[in-house]
Amino acid sequence: MSAPPPIVEAKEVGKIYSRAAEKITALRGVDLIVEAGEMTAITGESGSGKTTLLNMIGCIDHPTWGSLQIAGTVVNALPSGG
């Protein structure tokens, strides 16, 4: 019997937002694994990308690069809620 996949698995996830002619890098190469039953806190300075990461985990937004899986499903190509 194999172990279930992690609830969240991010590999080299990055996000760039475009505003006018400006490109803003919100995340750069984030790796994260959260197993079933674990409690995880995401901390950091203002502007460090916490909300961007949580928006991607919640499928509100997509990574610009990298792979994001929720319960074994790759969510990069799923429709976003935003």
PDB file of N, CA and C in Angstrom:
ATOM      1  N   MET A   1       0.842  -1.178   0.000  1.00  0.00           N
ATOM      2  CA  MET A   1       0.000   0.000   0.000  1.00  0.00           C
ATOM      3  C   MET A   1       0.892   1.247   0.000  1.00  0.00           C
ATOM      4  N   SER A   2       0.677   2.118  -0.947  1.00  0.00           N
ATOM      5  CA  SER A   2       1.524   3.306  -1.038  1.00  0.00           C
ATOM      6  C   SER A   2       0.934   4.456  -0.225  1.00  0.00           C
ATOM      7  N   ALA A   3       1.817   5.348   0.181  1.00  0.00           N
ATOM      8  CA  ALA A   3       1.404   6.514   0.965  1.00  0.00           C
ATOM      9  C   ALA A   3       0.633   7.488   0.077  1.00  0.00           C
ATOM     10  N   PRO A   4      -0.350   8.187   0.645  1.00  0.00           N
ATOM     11  CA  PRO A   4      -1.079   9.178  -0.158  1.00  0.00           C
ATOM     12  C   PRO A   4      -0.148  10.327  -0.536  1.00  0.00           C
ATOM     13  N   PRO A   5      -0.468  11.022  -1.622  1.00  0.00           N
ATOM     14  CA  PRO A   5       0.380  12.158  -2.013  1.00  0.00           C
ATOM     15  C   PRO A   5       0.271  13.277  -0.982  1.00  0.00           C
ATOM     16  N   PRO A   6       1.259  14.162  -0.943  1.00  0.00           N
ATOM     17  CA  PRO A   6       1.151  15.311  -0.041  1.00  0.00           C
ATOM     18  C   PRO A   6      -0.097  16.134  -0.375  1.00  0.00           C
ATOM     19  N   ILE A   7      -0.632  16.817   0.605  1.00  0.00           N
ATOM     20  CA  ILE A   7      -1.783  17.695   0.372  1.00  0.00           C
ATOM     21  C   ILE A   7      -1.366  18.857  -0.536  1.00  0.00           C
ATOM     22  N   VAL A   8      -0.183  19.423  -0.283  1.00  0.00           N
ATOM     23  CA  VAL A   8       0.364  20.501  -1.120  1.00  0.00           C
ATOM     24  C   VAL A   8       1.802  20.149  -1.457  1.00  0.00           C
ATOM     25  N   GLU A   9       2.143  20.247  -2.743  1.00  0.00           N
ATOM     26  CA  GLU A   9       3.537  20.066  -3.156  1.00  0.00           C
ATOM     27  C   GLU A   9       3.866  21.113  -4.224  1.00  0.00           C
ATOM     28  N   ALA A  10       4.735  22.020  -3.859  1.00  0.00           N
ATOM     29  CA  ALA A  10       5.196  23.071  -4.779  1.00  0.00           C
ATOM     30  C   ALA A  10       6.658  22.805  -5.100  1.00  0.00           C
ATOM     31  N   LYS A  11       6.992  22.850  -6.388  1.00  0.00           N
ATOM     32  CA  LYS A  11       8.375  22.635  -6.824  1.00  0.00           C
ATOM     33  C   LYS A  11       8.800  23.804  -7.702  1.00  0.00           C
ATOM     34  N   GLU A  12       9.769  24.572  -7.219  1.00  0.00           N
ATOM     35  CA  GLU A  12      10.336  25.691  -7.979  1.00  0.00           C
ATOM     36  C   GLU A  12       9.263  26.655  -8.487  1.00  0.00           C
ATOM     37  N   VAL A  13       8.248  26.926  -7.664  1.00  0.00           N
ATOM     38  CA  VAL A  13       7.132  27.778  -8.063  1.00  0.00           C
ATOM     39  C   VAL A  13       7.552  29.245  -8.062  1.00  0.00           C
ATOM     40  N   GLY A  14       7.176  29.927  -9.118  1.00  0.00           N
ATOM     41  CA  GLY A  14       7.441  31.359  -9.226  1.00  0.00           C
ATOM     42  C   GLY A  14       6.247  32.074  -9.825  1.00  0.00           C
ATOM     43  N   LYS A  15       6.149  33.366  -9.547  1.00  0.00           N
ATOM     44  CA  LYS A  15       5.036  34.159 -10.064  1.00  0.00           C
ATOM     45  C   LYS A  15       5.526  35.550 -10.428  1.00  0.00           C
ATOM     46  N   ILE A  16       5.187  35.977 -11.648  1.00  0.00           N
ATOM     47  CA  ILE A  16       5.484  37.330 -12.111  1.00  0.00           C
ATOM     48  C   ILE A  16       4.177  37.984 -12.497  1.00  0.00           C
ATOM     49  N   TYR A  17       3.941  39.179 -11.977  1.00  0.00           N
ATOM     50  CA  TYR A  17       2.782  39.986 -12.355  1.00  0.00           C
ATOM     51  C   TYR A  17       3.260  41.097 -13.280  1.00  0.00           C
ATOM     52  N   SER A  18       2.443  41.430 -14.263  1.00  0.00           N
ATOM     53  CA  SER A  18       2.754  42.538 -15.163  1.00  0.00           C
ATOM     54  C   SER A  18       1.814  43.688 -14.842  1.00  0.00           C
ATOM     55  N   ARG A  19       2.405  44.867 -14.685  1.00  0.00           N
ATOM     56  CA  ARG A  19       1.618  46.080 -14.457  1.00  0.00           C
ATOM     57  C   ARG A  19       2.181  47.145 -15.373  1.00  0.00           C
ATOM     58  N   ALA A  20       1.397  47.521 -16.384  1.00  0.00           N
ATOM     59  CA  ALA A  20       1.858  48.440 -17.432  1.00  0.00           C
ATOM     60  C   ALA A  20       3.104  47.819 -18.061  1.00  0.00           C
ATOM     61  N   ALA A  21       4.199  48.542 -18.111  1.00  0.00           N
ATOM     62  CA  ALA A  21       5.434  48.017 -18.697  1.00  0.00           C
ATOM     63  C   ALA A  21       6.326  47.361 -17.650  1.00  0.00           C
ATOM     64  N   GLU A  22       5.867  47.341 -16.407  1.00  0.00           N
ATOM     65  CA  GLU A  22       6.660  46.829 -15.295  1.00  0.00           C
ATOM     66  C   GLU A  22       6.326  45.373 -15.001  1.00  0.00           C
ATOM     67  N   LYS A  23       7.337  44.568 -14.708  1.00  0.00           N
ATOM     68  CA  LYS A  23       7.145  43.179 -14.298  1.00  0.00           C
ATOM     69  C   LYS A  23       7.571  43.064 -12.836  1.00  0.00           C
ATOM     70  N   ILE A  24       6.685  42.474 -12.020  1.00  0.00           N
ATOM     71  CA  ILE A  24       6.935  42.350 -10.588  1.00  0.00           C
ATOM     72  C   ILE A  24       7.045  40.862 -10.255  1.00  0.00           C
ATOM     73  N   THR A  25       8.181  40.457  -9.716  1.00  0.00           N
ATOM     74  CA  THR A  25       8.379  39.071  -9.305  1.00  0.00           C
ATOM     75  C   THR A  25       7.871  38.932  -7.878  1.00  0.00           C
ATOM     76  N   ALA A  26       6.773  38.182  -7.713  1.00  0.00           N
ATOM     77  CA  ALA A  26       6.163  38.009  -6.403  1.00  0.00           C
ATOM     78  C   ALA A  26       6.715  36.785  -5.677  1.00  0.00           C
ATOM     79  N   LEU A  27       7.061  35.745  -6.418  1.00  0.00           N
ATOM     80  CA  LEU A  27       7.663  34.532  -5.854  1.00  0.00           C
ATOM     81  C   LEU A  27       8.771  34.062  -6.765  1.00  0.00           C
ATOM     82  N   ARG A  28       9.780  33.465  -6.155  1.00  0.00           N
ATOM     83  CA  ARG A  28      10.929  33.004  -6.940  1.00  0.00           C
ATOM     84  C   ARG A  28      11.405  31.665  -6.388  1.00  0.00           C
ATOM     85  N   GLY A  29      11.100  30.565  -7.104  1.00  0.00           N
ATOM     86  CA  GLY A  29      11.638  29.245  -6.769  1.00  0.00           C
ATOM     87  C   GLY A  29      11.221  28.678  -5.429  1.00  0.00           C
ATOM     88  N   VAL A  30       9.928  28.711  -5.107  1.00  0.00           N
ATOM     89  CA  VAL A  30       9.445  28.206  -3.823  1.00  0.00           C
ATOM     90  C   VAL A  30       9.246  26.690  -3.894  1.00  0.00           C
ATOM     91  N   ASP A  31       9.778  26.001  -2.900  1.00  0.00           N
ATOM     92  CA  ASP A  31       9.561  24.571  -2.711  1.00  0.00           C
ATOM     93  C   ASP A  31       8.829  24.390  -1.388  1.00  0.00           C
ATOM     94  N   LEU A  32       7.772  23.578  -1.397  1.00  0.00           N
ATOM     95  CA  LEU A  32       6.975  23.384  -0.185  1.00  0.00           C
ATOM     96  C   LEU A  32       6.287  22.036  -0.267  1.00  0.00           C
ATOM     97  N   ILE A  33       6.313  21.285   0.837  1.00  0.00           N
ATOM     98  CA  ILE A  33       5.541  20.048   0.948  1.00  0.00           C
ATOM     99  C   ILE A  33       4.774  20.108   2.259  1.00  0.00           C
ATOM    100  N   VAL A  34       3.463  19.882   2.171  1.00  0.00           N
ATOM    101  CA  VAL A  34       2.607  19.799   3.350  1.00  0.00           C
ATOM    102  C   VAL A  34       1.896  18.456   3.279  1.00  0.00           C
ATOM    103  N   GLU A  35       2.173  17.613   4.253  1.00  0.00           N
ATOM    104  CA  GLU A  35       1.572  16.282   4.308  1.00  0.00           C
ATOM    105  C   GLU A  35       0.210  16.345   5.002  1.00  0.00           C
ATOM    106  N   ALA A  36      -0.613  15.343   4.747  1.00  0.00           N
ATOM    107  CA  ALA A  36      -1.922  15.252   5.393  1.00  0.00           C
ATOM    108  C   ALA A  36      -1.744  15.265   6.914  1.00  0.00           C
ATOM    109  N   GLY A  37      -2.557  16.051   7.588  1.00  0.00           N
ATOM    110  CA  GLY A  37      -2.525  16.117   9.045  1.00  0.00           C
ATOM    111  C   GLY A  37      -1.519  17.105   9.616  1.00  0.00           C
ATOM    112  N   GLU A  38      -0.656  17.656   8.780  1.00  0.00           N
ATOM    113  CA  GLU A  38       0.329  18.631   9.258  1.00  0.00           C
ATOM    114  C   GLU A  38      -0.306  20.006   9.397  1.00  0.00           C
ATOM    115  N   MET A  39       0.207  20.769  10.343  1.00  0.00           N
ATOM    116  CA  MET A  39      -0.149  22.180  10.453  1.00  0.00           C
ATOM    117  C   MET A  39       1.080  22.963  10.031  1.00  0.00           C
ATOM    118  N   THR A  40       0.889  23.935   9.160  1.00  0.00           N
ATOM    119  CA  THR A  40       2.000  24.702   8.601  1.00  0.00           C
ATOM    120  C   THR A  40       1.694  26.183   8.703  1.00  0.00           C
ATOM    121  N   ALA A  41       2.675  26.960   9.097  1.00  0.00           N
ATOM    122  CA  ALA A  41       2.545  28.415   9.126  1.00  0.00           C
ATOM    123  C   ALA A  41       3.448  28.995   8.041  1.00  0.00           C
ATOM    124  N   ILE A  42       2.911  29.965   7.307  1.00  0.00           N
ATOM    125  CA  ILE A  42       3.694  30.663   6.293  1.00  0.00           C
ATOM    126  C   ILE A  42       3.936  32.063   6.817  1.00  0.00           C
ATOM    127  N   THR A  43       5.196  32.375   7.065  1.00  0.00           N
ATOM    128  CA  THR A  43       5.549  33.672   7.636  1.00  0.00           C
ATOM    129  C   THR A  43       6.548  34.384   6.743  1.00  0.00           C
ATOM    130  N   GLY A  44       6.658  35.681   6.924  1.00  0.00           N
ATOM    131  CA  GLY A  44       7.623  36.463   6.170  1.00  0.00           C
ATOM    132  C   GLY A  44       7.273  37.930   6.235  1.00  0.00           C
ATOM    133  N   GLU A  45       8.185  38.729   5.742  1.00  0.00           N
ATOM    134  CA  GLU A  45       7.991  40.171   5.730  1.00  0.00           C
ATOM    135  C   GLU A  45       6.872  40.562   4.784  1.00  0.00           C
ATOM    136  N   SER A  46       6.362  41.759   4.962  1.00  0.00           N
ATOM    137  CA  SER A  46       5.375  42.307   4.051  1.00  0.00           C
ATOM    138  C   SER A  46       5.959  42.334   2.640  1.00  0.00           C
ATOM    139  N   GLY A  47       5.185  41.857   1.674  1.00  0.00           N
ATOM    140  CA  GLY A  47       5.654  41.852   0.295  1.00  0.00           C
ATOM    141  C   GLY A  47       6.502  40.657  -0.085  1.00  0.00           C
ATOM    142  N   SER A  48       6.607  39.666   0.808  1.00  0.00           N
ATOM    143  CA  SER A  48       7.476  38.516   0.516  1.00  0.00           C
ATOM    144  C   SER A  48       6.788  37.426  -0.307  1.00  0.00           C
ATOM    145  N   GLY A  49       5.468  37.540  -0.550  1.00  0.00           N
ATOM    146  CA  GLY A  49       4.781  36.587  -1.404  1.00  0.00           C
ATOM    147  C   GLY A  49       3.874  35.601  -0.685  1.00  0.00           C
ATOM    148  N   LYS A  50       3.617  35.814   0.597  1.00  0.00           N
ATOM    149  CA  LYS A  50       2.764  34.893   1.354  1.00  0.00           C
ATOM    150  C   LYS A  50       1.369  34.778   0.740  1.00  0.00           C
ATOM    151  N   THR A  51       0.734  35.903   0.489  1.00  0.00           N
ATOM    152  CA  THR A  51      -0.621  35.894  -0.072  1.00  0.00           C
ATOM    153  C   THR A  51      -0.612  35.326  -1.482  1.00  0.00           C
ATOM    154  N   THR A  52       0.394  35.631  -2.268  1.00  0.00           N
ATOM    155  CA  THR A  52       0.503  35.074  -3.615  1.00  0.00           C
ATOM    156  C   THR A  52       0.572  33.551  -3.553  1.00  0.00           C
ATOM    157  N   LEU A  53       1.380  33.017  -2.662  1.00  0.00           N
ATOM    158  CA  LEU A  53       1.488  31.565  -2.509  1.00  0.00           C
ATOM    159  C   LEU A  53       0.157  30.966  -2.075  1.00  0.00           C
ATOM    160  N   LEU A  54      -0.497  31.570  -1.100  1.00  0.00           N
ATOM    161  CA  LEU A  54      -1.783  31.058  -0.634  1.00  0.00           C
ATOM    162  C   LEU A  54      -2.851  31.142  -1.725  1.00  0.00           C
ATOM    163  N   ASN A  55      -2.826  32.192  -2.543  1.00  0.00           N
ATOM    164  CA  ASN A  55      -3.761  32.296  -3.667  1.00  0.00           C
ATOM    165  C   ASN A  55      -3.544  31.167  -4.669  1.00  0.00           C
ATOM    166  N   MET A  56      -2.308  30.765  -4.868  1.00  0.00           N
ATOM    167  CA  MET A  56      -2.032  29.659  -5.779  1.00  0.00           C
ATOM    168  C   MET A  56      -2.461  28.325  -5.168  1.00  0.00           C
ATOM    169  N   ILE A  57      -2.208  28.135  -3.878  1.00  0.00           N
ATOM    170  CA  ILE A  57      -2.633  26.905  -3.210  1.00  0.00           C
ATOM    171  C   ILE A  57      -4.161  26.798  -3.235  1.00  0.00           C
ATOM    172  N   GLY A  58      -4.846  27.925  -3.124  1.00  0.00           N
ATOM    173  CA  GLY A  58      -6.306  27.952  -3.184  1.00  0.00           C
ATOM    174  C   GLY A  58      -6.869  27.973  -4.598  1.00  0.00           C
ATOM    175  N   CYS A  59      -6.008  27.861  -5.601  1.00  0.00           N
ATOM    176  CA  CYS A  59      -6.388  27.839  -7.023  1.00  0.00           C
ATOM    177  C   CYS A  59      -7.067  29.133  -7.473  1.00  0.00           C
ATOM    178  N   ILE A  60      -6.775  30.228  -6.806  1.00  0.00           N
ATOM    179  CA  ILE A  60      -7.261  31.542  -7.222  1.00  0.00           C
ATOM    180  C   ILE A  60      -6.341  32.112  -8.295  1.00  0.00           C
ATOM    181  N   ASP A  61      -5.077  31.711  -8.250  1.00  0.00           N
ATOM    182  CA  ASP A  61      -4.071  32.178  -9.196  1.00  0.00           C
ATOM    183  C   ASP A  61      -3.209  30.998  -9.610  1.00  0.00           C
ATOM    184  N   HIS A  62      -2.430  31.166 -10.687  1.00  0.00           N
ATOM    185  CA  HIS A  62      -1.538  30.109 -11.188  1.00  0.00           C
ATOM    186  C   HIS A  62      -0.086  30.559 -11.106  1.00  0.00           C
ATOM    187  N   PRO A  63       0.826  29.599 -10.921  1.00  0.00           N
ATOM    188  CA  PRO A  63       2.241  29.946 -10.991  1.00  0.00           C
ATOM    189  C   PRO A  63       2.635  30.333 -12.416  1.00  0.00           C
ATOM    190  N   THR A  64       3.595  31.234 -12.540  1.00  0.00           N
ATOM    191  CA  THR A  64       4.168  31.565 -13.846  1.00  0.00           C
ATOM    192  C   THR A  64       5.082  30.432 -14.291  1.00  0.00           C
ATOM    193  N   TRP A  65       5.775  29.821 -13.334  1.00  0.00           N
ATOM    194  CA  TRP A  65       6.600  28.656 -13.629  1.00  0.00           C
ATOM    195  C   TRP A  65       6.608  27.739 -12.414  1.00  0.00           C
ATOM    196  N   GLY A  66       7.108  26.540 -12.617  1.00  0.00           N
ATOM    197  CA  GLY A  66       7.159  25.544 -11.550  1.00  0.00           C
ATOM    198  C   GLY A  66       5.936  24.650 -11.584  1.00  0.00           C
ATOM    199  N   SER A  67       5.849  23.749 -10.626  1.00  0.00           N
ATOM    200  CA  SER A  67       4.750  22.793 -10.543  1.00  0.00           C
ATOM    201  C   SER A  67       4.073  22.912  -9.187  1.00  0.00           C
ATOM    202  N   LEU A  68       2.753  22.932  -9.197  1.00  0.00           N
ATOM    203  CA  LEU A  68       1.974  22.973  -7.966  1.00  0.00           C
ATOM    204  C   LEU A  68       0.932  21.865  -8.019  1.00  0.00           C
ATOM    205  N   GLN A  69       0.973  20.992  -7.001  1.00  0.00           N
ATOM    206  CA  GLN A  69       0.010  19.899  -6.909  1.00  0.00           C
ATOM    207  C   GLN A  69      -0.764  20.014  -5.604  1.00  0.00           C
ATOM    208  N   ILE A  70      -2.070  19.790  -5.689  1.00  0.00           N
ATOM    209  CA  ILE A  70      -2.921  19.741  -4.509  1.00  0.00           C
ATOM    210  C   ILE A  70      -3.519  18.342  -4.469  1.00  0.00           C
ATOM    211  N   ALA A  71      -3.223  17.602  -3.426  1.00  0.00           N
ATOM    212  CA  ALA A  71      -3.701  16.216  -3.255  1.00  0.00           C
ATOM    213  C   ALA A  71      -3.422  15.371  -4.499  1.00  0.00           C
ATOM    214  N   GLY A  72      -2.257  15.571  -5.106  1.00  0.00           N
ATOM    215  CA  GLY A  72      -1.837  14.772  -6.255  1.00  0.00           C
ATOM    216  C   GLY A  72      -2.292  15.280  -7.596  1.00  0.00           C
ATOM    217  N   THR A  73      -3.091  16.339  -7.629  1.00  0.00           N
ATOM    218  CA  THR A  73      -3.567  16.913  -8.896  1.00  0.00           C
ATOM    219  C   THR A  73      -2.746  18.148  -9.254  1.00  0.00           C
ATOM    220  N   VAL A  74      -2.163  18.158 -10.449  1.00  0.00           N
ATOM    221  CA  VAL A  74      -1.420  19.329 -10.918  1.00  0.00           C
ATOM    222  C   VAL A  74      -2.425  20.420 -11.215  1.00  0.00           C
ATOM    223  N   VAL A  75      -2.287  21.570 -10.547  1.00  0.00           N
ATOM    224  CA  VAL A  75      -3.285  22.630 -10.683  1.00  0.00           C
ATOM    225  C   VAL A  75      -2.846  23.745 -11.626  1.00  0.00           C
ATOM    226  N   ASN A  76      -1.654  23.662 -12.169  1.00  0.00           N
ATOM    227  CA  ASN A  76      -1.156  24.726 -13.055  1.00  0.00           C
ATOM    228  C   ASN A  76      -2.111  25.057 -14.190  1.00  0.00           C
ATOM    229  N   ALA A  77      -2.758  24.041 -14.755  1.00  0.00           N
ATOM    230  CA  ALA A  77      -3.578  24.262 -15.943  1.00  0.00           C
ATOM    231  C   ALA A  77      -5.075  24.374 -15.631  1.00  0.00           C
ATOM    232  N   LEU A  78      -5.459  24.237 -14.360  1.00  0.00           N
ATOM    233  CA  LEU A  78      -6.866  24.356 -14.009  1.00  0.00           C
ATOM    234  C   LEU A  78      -7.312  25.819 -14.141  1.00  0.00           C
ATOM    235  N   PRO A  79      -8.595  26.043 -14.409  1.00  0.00           N
ATOM    236  CA  PRO A  79      -9.073  27.434 -14.466  1.00  0.00           C
ATOM    237  C   PRO A  79      -8.902  28.123 -13.124  1.00  0.00           C
ATOM    238  N   SER A  80      -8.489  29.380 -13.145  1.00  0.00           N
ATOM    239  CA  SER A  80      -8.315  30.116 -11.886  1.00  0.00           C
ATOM    240  C   SER A  80      -9.625  30.805 -11.530  1.00  0.00           C
ATOM    241  N   GLY A  81      -9.764  31.122 -10.253  1.00  0.00           N
ATOM    242  CA  GLY A  81     -10.967  31.788  -9.777  1.00  0.00           C
ATOM    243  C   GLY A  81     -10.884  33.294  -9.888  1.00  0.00           C
ATOM    244  N   GLY A  82      -9.693  33.818 -10.218  1.00  0.00           N
ATOM    245  CA  GLY A  82      -9.513  35.264 -10.253  1.00  0.00           C
ATOM    246  C   GLY A  82      -9.745  35.782 -11.577  1.00  0.00           C
TER     247      GLY A  82
END
